[in-house]
Amino acid sequence: MVILNMLFALLMIVGSALFPDAAQVLANEPLLIHNVDNALMRPGETATFSLLVTNPGVRSYSDVVISDTLPTILRLASAGASRGETSISGQAVQFTLGHLAPGETVTMQVSVRAVDNVQIPADALNAATLSYTGGLPRTVTAAVRVTAGRLPATGERPLQSYKGILETIALGAVAALAFGFGVYLRFRRAT
């Protein structure tokens, strides 16, 4: 995963050098962020998906809509937004925001409950899609896992908390390999 992130960063750097306007276009369009507060659930437990849409640009956007269809192992408990209209139809929630001004941020919440008769362990990927006039739809996801129980409190930190350390080690390893390969090539040319 770290290597993929490094490759993506390299592609972004090369892409921004070749197409300098592309990064500017993406940086000015509305952004949708999707999180969940309880990613490890048991049957019958609840979780809340938080959605945030923001307009970092200087241009207004119209007909802004966020659509969220829940996976079948989750049941909708409630949904609401800081502004706009919220409509619910079965497992589908739609937030109609209309106009999104420059610098404006709107928050939305979707509360769910894991069904009692789910075959565990089960993973659910909740996808929310942002659409607006003149732009391409963008989909973001947040995942939950429904399981039989919780891990015991061991005092150990999850692997995610070591992510920065692991990325630094991987980056150092890649740099060391590149340096070693450069030395090897220089040595081969000299002989």
N, C-alpha and C. Protein backbone atom coordinates (compact mmCIF):
# COMPACT_ATOMS: atom_id res chain seq x y z
N MET A 1 0.82 -1.19 0.00
CA MET A 1 0.00 0.00 0.00
C MET A 1 0.87 1.25 0.00
N VAL A 2 1.94 1.23 0.77
CA VAL A 2 2.84 2.37 0.84
C VAL A 2 3.47 2.61 -0.52
N ILE A 3 3.87 1.53 -1.17
CA ILE A 3 4.48 1.66 -2.49
C ILE A 3 3.48 2.24 -3.48
N LEU A 4 2.23 1.80 -3.40
CA LEU A 4 1.20 2.37 -4.28
C LEU A 4 1.02 3.85 -4.02
N ASN A 5 1.04 4.26 -2.75
CA ASN A 5 0.93 5.68 -2.42
C ASN A 5 2.10 6.47 -2.99
N MET A 6 3.31 5.90 -2.90
CA MET A 6 4.48 6.59 -3.45
C MET A 6 4.38 6.69 -4.97
N LEU A 7 3.94 5.62 -5.62
CA LEU A 7 3.77 5.66 -7.07
C LEU A 7 2.72 6.68 -7.47
N PHE A 8 1.61 6.74 -6.71
CA PHE A 8 0.56 7.72 -6.99
C PHE A 8 1.12 9.13 -6.85
N ALA A 9 1.91 9.39 -5.80
CA ALA A 9 2.50 10.71 -5.59
C ALA A 9 3.43 11.07 -6.75
N LEU A 10 4.22 10.09 -7.20
CA LEU A 10 5.12 10.32 -8.33
C LEU A 10 4.32 10.65 -9.59
N LEU A 11 3.24 9.90 -9.83
CA LEU A 11 2.39 10.18 -11.00
C LEU A 11 1.76 11.55 -10.90
N MET A 12 1.36 11.96 -9.71
CA MET A 12 0.77 13.29 -9.53
C MET A 12 1.80 14.38 -9.84
N ILE A 13 3.04 14.17 -9.41
CA ILE A 13 4.09 15.16 -9.68
C ILE A 13 4.36 15.25 -11.17
N VAL A 14 4.52 14.10 -11.82
CA VAL A 14 4.77 14.08 -13.27
C VAL A 14 3.56 14.64 -14.01
N GLY A 15 2.35 14.24 -13.59
CA GLY A 15 1.14 14.73 -14.24
C GLY A 15 0.98 16.23 -14.10
N SER A 16 1.29 16.76 -12.92
CA SER A 16 1.15 18.21 -12.73
C SER A 16 2.19 18.97 -13.54
N ALA A 17 3.35 18.36 -13.79
CA ALA A 17 4.35 19.00 -14.63
C ALA A 17 3.91 19.01 -16.09
N LEU A 18 3.31 17.91 -16.54
CA LEU A 18 2.86 17.82 -17.93
C LEU A 18 1.55 18.57 -18.18
N PHE A 19 0.65 18.56 -17.18
CA PHE A 19 -0.67 19.18 -17.32
C PHE A 19 -0.93 20.09 -16.11
N PRO A 20 -0.29 21.26 -16.06
CA PRO A 20 -0.38 22.10 -14.86
C PRO A 20 -1.80 22.57 -14.54
N ASP A 21 -2.67 22.68 -15.52
CA ASP A 21 -4.03 23.16 -15.26
C ASP A 21 -4.92 22.09 -14.65
N ALA A 22 -4.58 20.81 -14.79
CA ALA A 22 -5.43 19.73 -14.30
C ALA A 22 -5.55 19.77 -12.78
N ALA A 23 -4.45 19.99 -12.09
CA ALA A 23 -4.49 20.05 -10.62
C ALA A 23 -5.31 21.23 -10.15
N GLN A 24 -5.22 22.33 -10.86
CA GLN A 24 -5.98 23.52 -10.50
C GLN A 24 -7.48 23.27 -10.64
N VAL A 25 -7.89 22.57 -11.69
CA VAL A 25 -9.31 22.29 -11.90
C VAL A 25 -9.85 21.43 -10.76
N LEU A 26 -9.12 20.35 -10.39
CA LEU A 26 -9.58 19.47 -9.32
C LEU A 26 -9.58 20.17 -7.98
N ALA A 27 -8.63 21.08 -7.74
CA ALA A 27 -8.55 21.76 -6.45
C ALA A 27 -9.67 22.75 -6.26
N ASN A 28 -10.31 23.21 -7.32
CA ASN A 28 -11.36 24.21 -7.21
C ASN A 28 -12.76 23.64 -7.24
N GLU A 29 -12.91 22.35 -7.45
CA GLU A 29 -14.24 21.74 -7.53
C GLU A 29 -14.68 21.23 -6.18
N PRO A 30 -15.99 21.04 -5.99
CA PRO A 30 -16.49 20.56 -4.69
C PRO A 30 -15.84 19.23 -4.29
N LEU A 31 -15.65 19.08 -3.00
CA LEU A 31 -14.98 17.91 -2.43
C LEU A 31 -15.94 17.23 -1.47
N LEU A 32 -16.03 15.90 -1.55
CA LEU A 32 -16.88 15.11 -0.66
C LEU A 32 -16.00 14.21 0.20
N ILE A 33 -16.20 14.25 1.52
CA ILE A 33 -15.45 13.42 2.46
C ILE A 33 -16.45 12.54 3.19
N HIS A 34 -16.09 11.27 3.40
CA HIS A 34 -17.01 10.27 3.97
C HIS A 34 -16.29 9.48 5.05
N ASN A 35 -16.83 9.49 6.28
CA ASN A 35 -16.23 8.78 7.41
C ASN A 35 -17.30 8.01 8.16
N VAL A 36 -16.87 7.08 9.02
CA VAL A 36 -17.80 6.34 9.88
C VAL A 36 -17.23 6.33 11.28
N ASP A 37 -18.10 6.43 12.30
CA ASP A 37 -17.63 6.50 13.68
C ASP A 37 -17.44 5.13 14.33
N ASN A 38 -18.02 4.08 13.78
CA ASN A 38 -17.94 2.74 14.38
C ASN A 38 -17.69 1.73 13.26
N ALA A 39 -16.45 1.57 12.86
CA ALA A 39 -16.12 0.73 11.72
C ALA A 39 -16.13 -0.76 12.05
N LEU A 40 -16.17 -1.12 13.34
CA LEU A 40 -16.24 -2.52 13.76
C LEU A 40 -17.48 -2.68 14.62
N MET A 41 -18.51 -3.30 14.05
CA MET A 41 -19.82 -3.39 14.71
C MET A 41 -20.18 -4.85 14.99
N ARG A 42 -21.09 -5.03 15.93
CA ARG A 42 -21.72 -6.32 16.15
C ARG A 42 -23.15 -6.23 15.65
N PRO A 43 -23.81 -7.35 15.35
CA PRO A 43 -25.21 -7.28 14.92
C PRO A 43 -26.05 -6.50 15.94
N GLY A 44 -26.89 -5.60 15.43
CA GLY A 44 -27.74 -4.78 16.28
C GLY A 44 -27.13 -3.47 16.73
N GLU A 45 -25.81 -3.30 16.57
CA GLU A 45 -25.17 -2.06 16.97
C GLU A 45 -25.37 -0.98 15.91
N THR A 46 -25.13 0.27 16.32
CA THR A 46 -25.33 1.40 15.42
C THR A 46 -24.00 2.05 15.05
N ALA A 47 -24.04 2.76 13.95
CA ALA A 47 -22.91 3.55 13.48
C ALA A 47 -23.47 4.76 12.76
N THR A 48 -22.66 5.81 12.67
CA THR A 48 -23.07 7.01 11.96
C THR A 48 -22.04 7.33 10.88
N PHE A 49 -22.51 7.41 9.65
CA PHE A 49 -21.67 7.84 8.53
C PHE A 49 -21.76 9.36 8.48
N SER A 50 -20.62 10.02 8.44
CA SER A 50 -20.58 11.48 8.35
C SER A 50 -20.09 11.85 6.96
N LEU A 51 -20.83 12.73 6.33
CA LEU A 51 -20.47 13.23 5.00
C LEU A 51 -20.26 14.73 5.11
N LEU A 52 -19.25 15.22 4.42
CA LEU A 52 -18.97 16.64 4.41
C LEU A 52 -18.69 17.03 2.97
N VAL A 53 -19.41 18.02 2.48
CA VAL A 53 -19.14 18.54 1.14
C VAL A 53 -18.70 19.98 1.31
N THR A 54 -17.62 20.34 0.62
CA THR A 54 -17.08 21.69 0.73
C THR A 54 -16.70 22.21 -0.65
N ASN A 55 -16.76 23.51 -0.79
CA ASN A 55 -16.39 24.16 -2.04
C ASN A 55 -15.15 25.01 -1.79
N PRO A 56 -13.95 24.49 -2.10
CA PRO A 56 -12.72 25.24 -1.83
C PRO A 56 -12.42 26.32 -2.87
N GLY A 57 -13.21 26.36 -3.94
CA GLY A 57 -12.92 27.27 -5.05
C GLY A 57 -13.57 28.63 -4.89
N VAL A 58 -13.51 29.39 -5.97
CA VAL A 58 -14.06 30.75 -5.99
C VAL A 58 -15.35 30.82 -6.80
N ARG A 59 -15.77 29.70 -7.34
CA ARG A 59 -16.96 29.63 -8.19
C ARG A 59 -18.09 28.94 -7.44
N SER A 60 -19.32 29.37 -7.66
CA SER A 60 -20.49 28.72 -7.08
C SER A 60 -20.90 27.53 -7.93
N TYR A 61 -21.53 26.54 -7.30
CA TYR A 61 -22.02 25.36 -8.00
C TYR A 61 -23.51 25.21 -7.72
N SER A 62 -24.24 24.72 -8.72
CA SER A 62 -25.69 24.58 -8.56
C SER A 62 -26.11 23.12 -8.70
N ASP A 63 -27.32 22.84 -8.25
CA ASP A 63 -27.91 21.50 -8.31
C ASP A 63 -27.01 20.46 -7.64
N VAL A 64 -26.46 20.81 -6.48
CA VAL A 64 -25.57 19.91 -5.74
C VAL A 64 -26.43 18.87 -5.01
N VAL A 65 -26.15 17.59 -5.29
CA VAL A 65 -26.90 16.48 -4.70
C VAL A 65 -25.91 15.42 -4.23
N ILE A 66 -26.14 14.89 -3.04
CA ILE A 66 -25.36 13.76 -2.53
C ILE A 66 -26.32 12.59 -2.37
N SER A 67 -26.01 11.47 -3.02
CA SER A 67 -26.84 10.26 -2.95
C SER A 67 -26.07 9.18 -2.20
N ASP A 68 -26.76 8.50 -1.29
CA ASP A 68 -26.12 7.47 -0.47
C ASP A 68 -27.08 6.28 -0.38
N THR A 69 -26.70 5.16 -1.00
CA THR A 69 -27.50 3.94 -0.92
C THR A 69 -26.79 2.96 0.01
N LEU A 70 -27.49 2.56 1.06
CA LEU A 70 -26.89 1.72 2.09
C LEU A 70 -26.82 0.26 1.68
N PRO A 71 -25.78 -0.45 2.11
CA PRO A 71 -25.70 -1.90 1.88
C PRO A 71 -26.83 -2.62 2.62
N THR A 72 -27.17 -3.81 2.17
CA THR A 72 -28.32 -4.53 2.73
C THR A 72 -28.12 -4.99 4.17
N ILE A 73 -26.89 -5.11 4.65
CA ILE A 73 -26.69 -5.57 6.03
C ILE A 73 -26.83 -4.42 7.04
N LEU A 74 -27.05 -3.20 6.53
CA LEU A 74 -27.27 -2.05 7.39
C LEU A 74 -28.68 -1.52 7.17
N ARG A 75 -29.34 -1.12 8.25
CA ARG A 75 -30.69 -0.54 8.17
C ARG A 75 -30.60 0.92 8.57
N LEU A 76 -31.26 1.75 7.81
CA LEU A 76 -31.27 3.18 8.06
C LEU A 76 -32.04 3.49 9.35
N ALA A 77 -31.42 4.26 10.24
CA ALA A 77 -32.09 4.70 11.46
C ALA A 77 -32.54 6.15 11.32
N SER A 78 -31.66 7.02 10.81
CA SER A 78 -32.01 8.43 10.59
C SER A 78 -30.99 9.06 9.65
N ALA A 79 -31.36 10.21 9.11
CA ALA A 79 -30.47 10.96 8.23
C ALA A 79 -30.83 12.43 8.31
N GLY A 80 -29.83 13.28 8.22
CA GLY A 80 -30.06 14.72 8.26
C GLY A 80 -28.86 15.48 7.76
N ALA A 81 -29.09 16.76 7.45
CA ALA A 81 -28.04 17.62 6.93
C ALA A 81 -28.12 18.99 7.60
N SER A 82 -27.00 19.72 7.59
CA SER A 82 -26.96 21.04 8.19
C SER A 82 -27.79 22.05 7.39
N ARG A 83 -28.06 21.74 6.13
CA ARG A 83 -28.98 22.55 5.32
C ARG A 83 -29.42 21.75 4.11
N GLY A 84 -30.44 22.20 3.43
CA GLY A 84 -30.96 21.51 2.25
C GLY A 84 -32.06 20.54 2.63
N GLU A 85 -32.48 19.75 1.65
CA GLU A 85 -33.55 18.78 1.85
C GLU A 85 -32.98 17.37 1.92
N THR A 86 -33.55 16.56 2.82
CA THR A 86 -33.15 15.16 2.96
C THR A 86 -34.36 14.31 2.59
N SER A 87 -34.18 13.41 1.63
CA SER A 87 -35.27 12.49 1.28
C SER A 87 -34.77 11.05 1.42
N ILE A 88 -35.69 10.19 1.89
CA ILE A 88 -35.36 8.78 2.15
C ILE A 88 -36.33 7.91 1.40
N SER A 89 -35.80 6.90 0.71
CA SER A 89 -36.62 5.92 0.01
C SER A 89 -35.98 4.55 0.21
N GLY A 90 -36.50 3.78 1.17
CA GLY A 90 -35.92 2.47 1.47
C GLY A 90 -34.53 2.61 2.02
N GLN A 91 -33.54 2.06 1.32
CA GLN A 91 -32.13 2.12 1.74
C GLN A 91 -31.39 3.30 1.11
N ALA A 92 -32.09 4.13 0.36
CA ALA A 92 -31.45 5.25 -0.34
C ALA A 92 -31.76 6.57 0.36
N VAL A 93 -30.71 7.36 0.55
CA VAL A 93 -30.84 8.69 1.13
C VAL A 93 -30.31 9.68 0.10
N GLN A 94 -31.05 10.77 -0.08
CA GLN A 94 -30.60 11.81 -1.00
C GLN A 94 -30.63 13.15 -0.29
N PHE A 95 -29.50 13.86 -0.34
CA PHE A 95 -29.39 15.20 0.22
C PHE A 95 -29.36 16.18 -0.95
N THR A 96 -30.37 17.01 -1.08
CA THR A 96 -30.43 18.00 -2.14
C THR A 96 -30.03 19.34 -1.54
N LEU A 97 -28.84 19.79 -1.89
CA LEU A 97 -28.30 21.02 -1.31
C LEU A 97 -28.57 22.23 -2.18
N GLY A 98 -28.77 22.02 -3.48
CA GLY A 98 -28.99 23.13 -4.39
C GLY A 98 -27.70 23.87 -4.66
N HIS A 99 -27.60 25.10 -4.20
CA HIS A 99 -26.48 26.00 -4.45
C HIS A 99 -25.38 25.77 -3.41
N LEU A 100 -24.12 25.73 -3.85
CA LEU A 100 -22.97 25.62 -2.95
C LEU A 100 -22.03 26.79 -3.25
N ALA A 101 -21.97 27.74 -2.33
CA ALA A 101 -21.19 28.97 -2.52
C ALA A 101 -19.71 28.71 -2.28
N PRO A 102 -18.84 29.59 -2.79
CA PRO A 102 -17.40 29.46 -2.54
C PRO A 102 -17.11 29.48 -1.03
N GLY A 103 -16.28 28.53 -0.59
CA GLY A 103 -15.92 28.45 0.81
C GLY A 103 -16.97 27.81 1.71
N GLU A 104 -18.11 27.43 1.16
CA GLU A 104 -19.19 26.86 1.97
C GLU A 104 -18.95 25.37 2.25
N THR A 105 -19.36 24.93 3.43
CA THR A 105 -19.28 23.54 3.85
C THR A 105 -20.62 23.10 4.40
N VAL A 106 -21.08 21.93 3.99
CA VAL A 106 -22.34 21.36 4.48
C VAL A 106 -22.03 19.97 5.04
N THR A 107 -22.58 19.67 6.21
CA THR A 107 -22.38 18.36 6.83
C THR A 107 -23.67 17.56 6.80
N MET A 108 -23.52 16.25 6.67
CA MET A 108 -24.65 15.32 6.65
C MET A 108 -24.31 14.11 7.50
N GLN A 109 -25.32 13.52 8.11
CA GLN A 109 -25.13 12.30 8.90
C GLN A 109 -26.17 11.27 8.47
N VAL A 110 -25.73 10.02 8.41
CA VAL A 110 -26.61 8.88 8.13
C VAL A 110 -26.35 7.86 9.24
N SER A 111 -27.34 7.66 10.12
CA SER A 111 -27.21 6.69 11.20
C SER A 111 -27.82 5.37 10.76
N VAL A 112 -27.10 4.28 11.06
CA VAL A 112 -27.52 2.94 10.63
C VAL A 112 -27.42 1.97 11.79
N ARG A 113 -28.07 0.82 11.63
CA ARG A 113 -27.98 -0.28 12.58
C ARG A 113 -27.69 -1.54 11.78
N ALA A 114 -26.75 -2.35 12.26
CA ALA A 114 -26.44 -3.63 11.60
C ALA A 114 -27.60 -4.59 11.85
N VAL A 115 -28.05 -5.28 10.82
CA VAL A 115 -29.17 -6.21 10.98
C VAL A 115 -28.77 -7.33 11.93
N ASP A 116 -29.77 -7.86 12.64
CA ASP A 116 -29.50 -8.89 13.65
C ASP A 116 -29.13 -10.24 13.03
N ASN A 117 -29.67 -10.55 11.86
CA ASN A 117 -29.48 -11.88 11.27
C ASN A 117 -28.37 -11.91 10.21
N VAL A 118 -27.42 -11.02 10.30
CA VAL A 118 -26.34 -10.97 9.31
C VAL A 118 -25.41 -12.17 9.50
N GLN A 119 -24.94 -12.72 8.39
CA GLN A 119 -23.96 -13.81 8.41
C GLN A 119 -22.60 -13.18 8.70
N ILE A 120 -22.03 -13.45 9.88
CA ILE A 120 -20.79 -12.80 10.27
C ILE A 120 -19.58 -13.69 10.02
N PRO A 121 -18.43 -13.11 9.76
CA PRO A 121 -18.18 -11.68 9.61
C PRO A 121 -18.69 -11.18 8.26
N ALA A 122 -19.11 -9.93 8.23
CA ALA A 122 -19.62 -9.34 6.99
C ALA A 122 -19.05 -7.93 6.84
N ASP A 123 -18.66 -7.60 5.64
CA ASP A 123 -18.14 -6.27 5.34
C ASP A 123 -19.17 -5.52 4.52
N ALA A 124 -19.32 -4.23 4.81
CA ALA A 124 -20.25 -3.38 4.07
C ALA A 124 -19.51 -2.13 3.62
N LEU A 125 -19.61 -1.83 2.35
CA LEU A 125 -19.00 -0.64 1.78
C LEU A 125 -20.11 0.34 1.44
N ASN A 126 -20.12 1.46 2.14
CA ASN A 126 -21.14 2.47 1.92
C ASN A 126 -20.58 3.50 0.96
N ALA A 127 -21.24 3.68 -0.18
CA ALA A 127 -20.78 4.61 -1.20
C ALA A 127 -21.73 5.80 -1.29
N ALA A 128 -21.15 6.99 -1.28
CA ALA A 128 -21.92 8.23 -1.44
C ALA A 128 -21.41 8.94 -2.69
N THR A 129 -22.33 9.49 -3.48
CA THR A 129 -21.97 10.12 -4.74
C THR A 129 -22.36 11.59 -4.73
N LEU A 130 -21.42 12.44 -5.09
CA LEU A 130 -21.64 13.88 -5.23
C LEU A 130 -21.86 14.19 -6.71
N SER A 131 -22.94 14.90 -7.01
CA SER A 131 -23.16 15.35 -8.39
C SER A 131 -23.61 16.80 -8.36
N TYR A 132 -23.32 17.51 -9.46
CA TYR A 132 -23.68 18.92 -9.57
C TYR A 132 -23.65 19.30 -11.04
N THR A 133 -24.28 20.41 -11.38
CA THR A 133 -24.35 20.85 -12.76
C THR A 133 -22.96 21.21 -13.27
N GLY A 134 -22.61 20.65 -14.42
CA GLY A 134 -21.34 20.97 -15.07
C GLY A 134 -20.15 20.16 -14.61
N GLY A 135 -20.35 19.20 -13.72
CA GLY A 135 -19.23 18.42 -13.23
C GLY A 135 -19.51 16.93 -13.31
N LEU A 136 -18.46 16.15 -13.24
CA LEU A 136 -18.61 14.70 -13.25
C LEU A 136 -18.93 14.21 -11.84
N PRO A 137 -19.81 13.21 -11.71
CA PRO A 137 -20.12 12.67 -10.38
C PRO A 137 -18.86 12.06 -9.75
N ARG A 138 -18.76 12.21 -8.42
CA ARG A 138 -17.64 11.64 -7.68
C ARG A 138 -18.20 10.77 -6.57
N THR A 139 -17.64 9.58 -6.41
CA THR A 139 -18.09 8.65 -5.39
C THR A 139 -16.98 8.41 -4.38
N VAL A 140 -17.35 8.47 -3.09
CA VAL A 140 -16.43 8.16 -2.01
C VAL A 140 -17.06 7.06 -1.16
N THR A 141 -16.23 6.31 -0.44
CA THR A 141 -16.74 5.18 0.33
C THR A 141 -16.23 5.20 1.77
N ALA A 142 -16.97 4.50 2.61
CA ALA A 142 -16.55 4.23 4.00
C ALA A 142 -17.00 2.81 4.29
N ALA A 143 -16.16 2.04 4.99
CA ALA A 143 -16.44 0.62 5.21
C ALA A 143 -16.68 0.33 6.68
N VAL A 144 -17.56 -0.65 6.92
CA VAL A 144 -17.77 -1.19 8.26
C VAL A 144 -17.66 -2.71 8.18
N ARG A 145 -17.30 -3.31 9.30
CA ARG A 145 -17.26 -4.77 9.41
C ARG A 145 -18.16 -5.16 10.56
N VAL A 146 -19.07 -6.09 10.27
CA VAL A 146 -19.94 -6.63 11.31
C VAL A 146 -19.34 -7.96 11.73
N THR A 147 -19.07 -8.11 13.03
CA THR A 147 -18.39 -9.28 13.54
C THR A 147 -19.04 -9.74 14.84
N ALA A 148 -18.60 -10.89 15.33
CA ALA A 148 -19.21 -11.47 16.53
C ALA A 148 -18.79 -10.76 17.81
N GLY A 149 -17.65 -10.17 17.84
CA GLY A 149 -17.20 -9.56 19.09
C GLY A 149 -16.11 -8.55 18.88
N ARG A 150 -15.56 -8.11 19.96
CA ARG A 150 -14.50 -7.11 19.95
C ARG A 150 -13.17 -7.78 20.31
N LEU A 151 -12.10 -7.16 19.90
CA LEU A 151 -10.78 -7.62 20.30
C LEU A 151 -10.54 -7.25 21.76
N PRO A 152 -9.83 -8.06 22.51
CA PRO A 152 -9.56 -7.71 23.91
C PRO A 152 -8.62 -6.51 23.99
N ALA A 153 -8.75 -5.74 25.05
CA ALA A 153 -7.87 -4.60 25.28
C ALA A 153 -6.51 -5.11 25.72
N THR A 154 -5.51 -5.02 24.84
CA THR A 154 -4.18 -5.54 25.14
C THR A 154 -3.19 -4.44 25.45
N GLY A 155 -3.57 -3.21 25.19
CA GLY A 155 -2.64 -2.11 25.38
C GLY A 155 -1.79 -1.84 24.15
N GLU A 156 -1.87 -2.72 23.15
CA GLU A 156 -1.14 -2.53 21.91
C GLU A 156 -1.90 -1.57 21.00
N ARG A 157 -1.14 -0.81 20.22
CA ARG A 157 -1.76 0.10 19.28
C ARG A 157 -2.06 -0.65 17.98
N PRO A 158 -3.17 -0.31 17.32
CA PRO A 158 -3.44 -0.93 16.02
C PRO A 158 -2.37 -0.57 15.00
N LEU A 159 -2.25 -1.38 13.97
CA LEU A 159 -1.24 -1.15 12.94
C LEU A 159 -1.40 0.24 12.32
N GLN A 160 -2.64 0.74 12.21
CA GLN A 160 -2.88 2.04 11.61
C GLN A 160 -2.10 3.15 12.32
N SER A 161 -1.91 3.04 13.64
CA SER A 161 -1.19 4.08 14.36
C SER A 161 0.31 4.06 14.04
N TYR A 162 0.81 2.98 13.47
CA TYR A 162 2.20 2.88 13.05
C TYR A 162 2.39 3.28 11.59
N LYS A 163 1.31 3.74 10.95
CA LYS A 163 1.34 4.00 9.52
C LYS A 163 2.45 4.97 9.12
N GLY A 164 2.62 6.08 9.85
CA GLY A 164 3.67 7.05 9.51
C GLY A 164 5.05 6.45 9.61
N ILE A 165 5.26 5.63 10.63
CA ILE A 165 6.56 4.99 10.81
C ILE A 165 6.82 4.01 9.67
N LEU A 166 5.81 3.20 9.33
CA LEU A 166 5.97 2.23 8.25
C LEU A 166 6.23 2.91 6.91
N GLU A 167 5.54 4.03 6.64
CA GLU A 167 5.76 4.75 5.39
C GLU A 167 7.17 5.32 5.34
N THR A 168 7.67 5.84 6.47
CA THR A 168 9.02 6.37 6.52
C THR A 168 10.05 5.27 6.27
N ILE A 169 9.86 4.11 6.88
CA ILE A 169 10.77 2.98 6.67
C ILE A 169 10.74 2.55 5.20
N ALA A 170 9.54 2.46 4.61
CA ALA A 170 9.43 2.06 3.21
C ALA A 170 10.09 3.07 2.29
N LEU A 171 9.89 4.36 2.57
CA LEU A 171 10.51 5.39 1.75
C LEU A 171 12.03 5.33 1.87
N GLY A 172 12.54 5.10 3.09
CA GLY A 172 13.98 4.95 3.29
C GLY A 172 14.52 3.74 2.55
N ALA A 173 13.76 2.64 2.56
CA ALA A 173 14.20 1.43 1.86
C ALA A 173 14.26 1.68 0.35
N VAL A 174 13.26 2.37 -0.19
CA VAL A 174 13.25 2.68 -1.63
C VAL A 174 14.44 3.58 -1.97
N ALA A 175 14.69 4.59 -1.12
CA ALA A 175 15.82 5.49 -1.36
C ALA A 175 17.14 4.72 -1.30
N ALA A 176 17.28 3.82 -0.33
CA ALA A 176 18.50 3.03 -0.21
C ALA A 176 18.69 2.13 -1.43
N LEU A 177 17.61 1.51 -1.89
CA LEU A 177 17.70 0.68 -3.10
C LEU A 177 18.10 1.51 -4.31
N ALA A 178 17.51 2.69 -4.45
CA ALA A 178 17.85 3.54 -5.59
C ALA A 178 19.31 3.97 -5.52
N PHE A 179 19.79 4.33 -4.32
CA PHE A 179 21.18 4.72 -4.14
C PHE A 179 22.10 3.54 -4.45
N GLY A 180 21.76 2.36 -3.92
CA GLY A 180 22.58 1.17 -4.17
C GLY A 180 22.64 0.82 -5.64
N PHE A 181 21.51 0.94 -6.33
CA PHE A 181 21.47 0.65 -7.76
C PHE A 181 22.32 1.66 -8.53
N GLY A 182 22.29 2.94 -8.11
CA GLY A 182 23.13 3.96 -8.75
C GLY A 182 24.60 3.68 -8.56
N VAL A 183 24.99 3.28 -7.35
CA VAL A 183 26.39 2.93 -7.08
C VAL A 183 26.80 1.72 -7.93
N TYR A 184 25.93 0.73 -8.02
CA TYR A 184 26.20 -0.47 -8.81
C TYR A 184 26.42 -0.09 -10.28
N LEU A 185 25.53 0.75 -10.83
CA LEU A 185 25.69 1.15 -12.24
C LEU A 185 26.98 1.93 -12.45
N ARG A 186 27.32 2.81 -11.52
CA ARG A 186 28.55 3.58 -11.64
C ARG A 186 29.77 2.66 -11.59
N PHE A 187 29.73 1.66 -10.69
CA PHE A 187 30.82 0.71 -10.55
C PHE A 187 30.96 -0.13 -11.83
N ARG A 188 29.84 -0.53 -12.43
CA ARG A 188 29.90 -1.32 -13.67
C ARG A 188 30.49 -0.52 -14.82
N ARG A 189 30.15 0.77 -14.89
CA ARG A 189 30.69 1.61 -15.96
C ARG A 189 32.19 1.82 -15.80
N ALA A 190 32.63 1.88 -14.53
CA ALA A 190 34.06 2.12 -14.26
C ALA A 190 34.90 0.88 -14.60
N THR A 191 34.30 -0.30 -14.58
CA THR A 191 35.11 -1.50 -14.84
C THR A 191 34.95 -2.00 -16.24
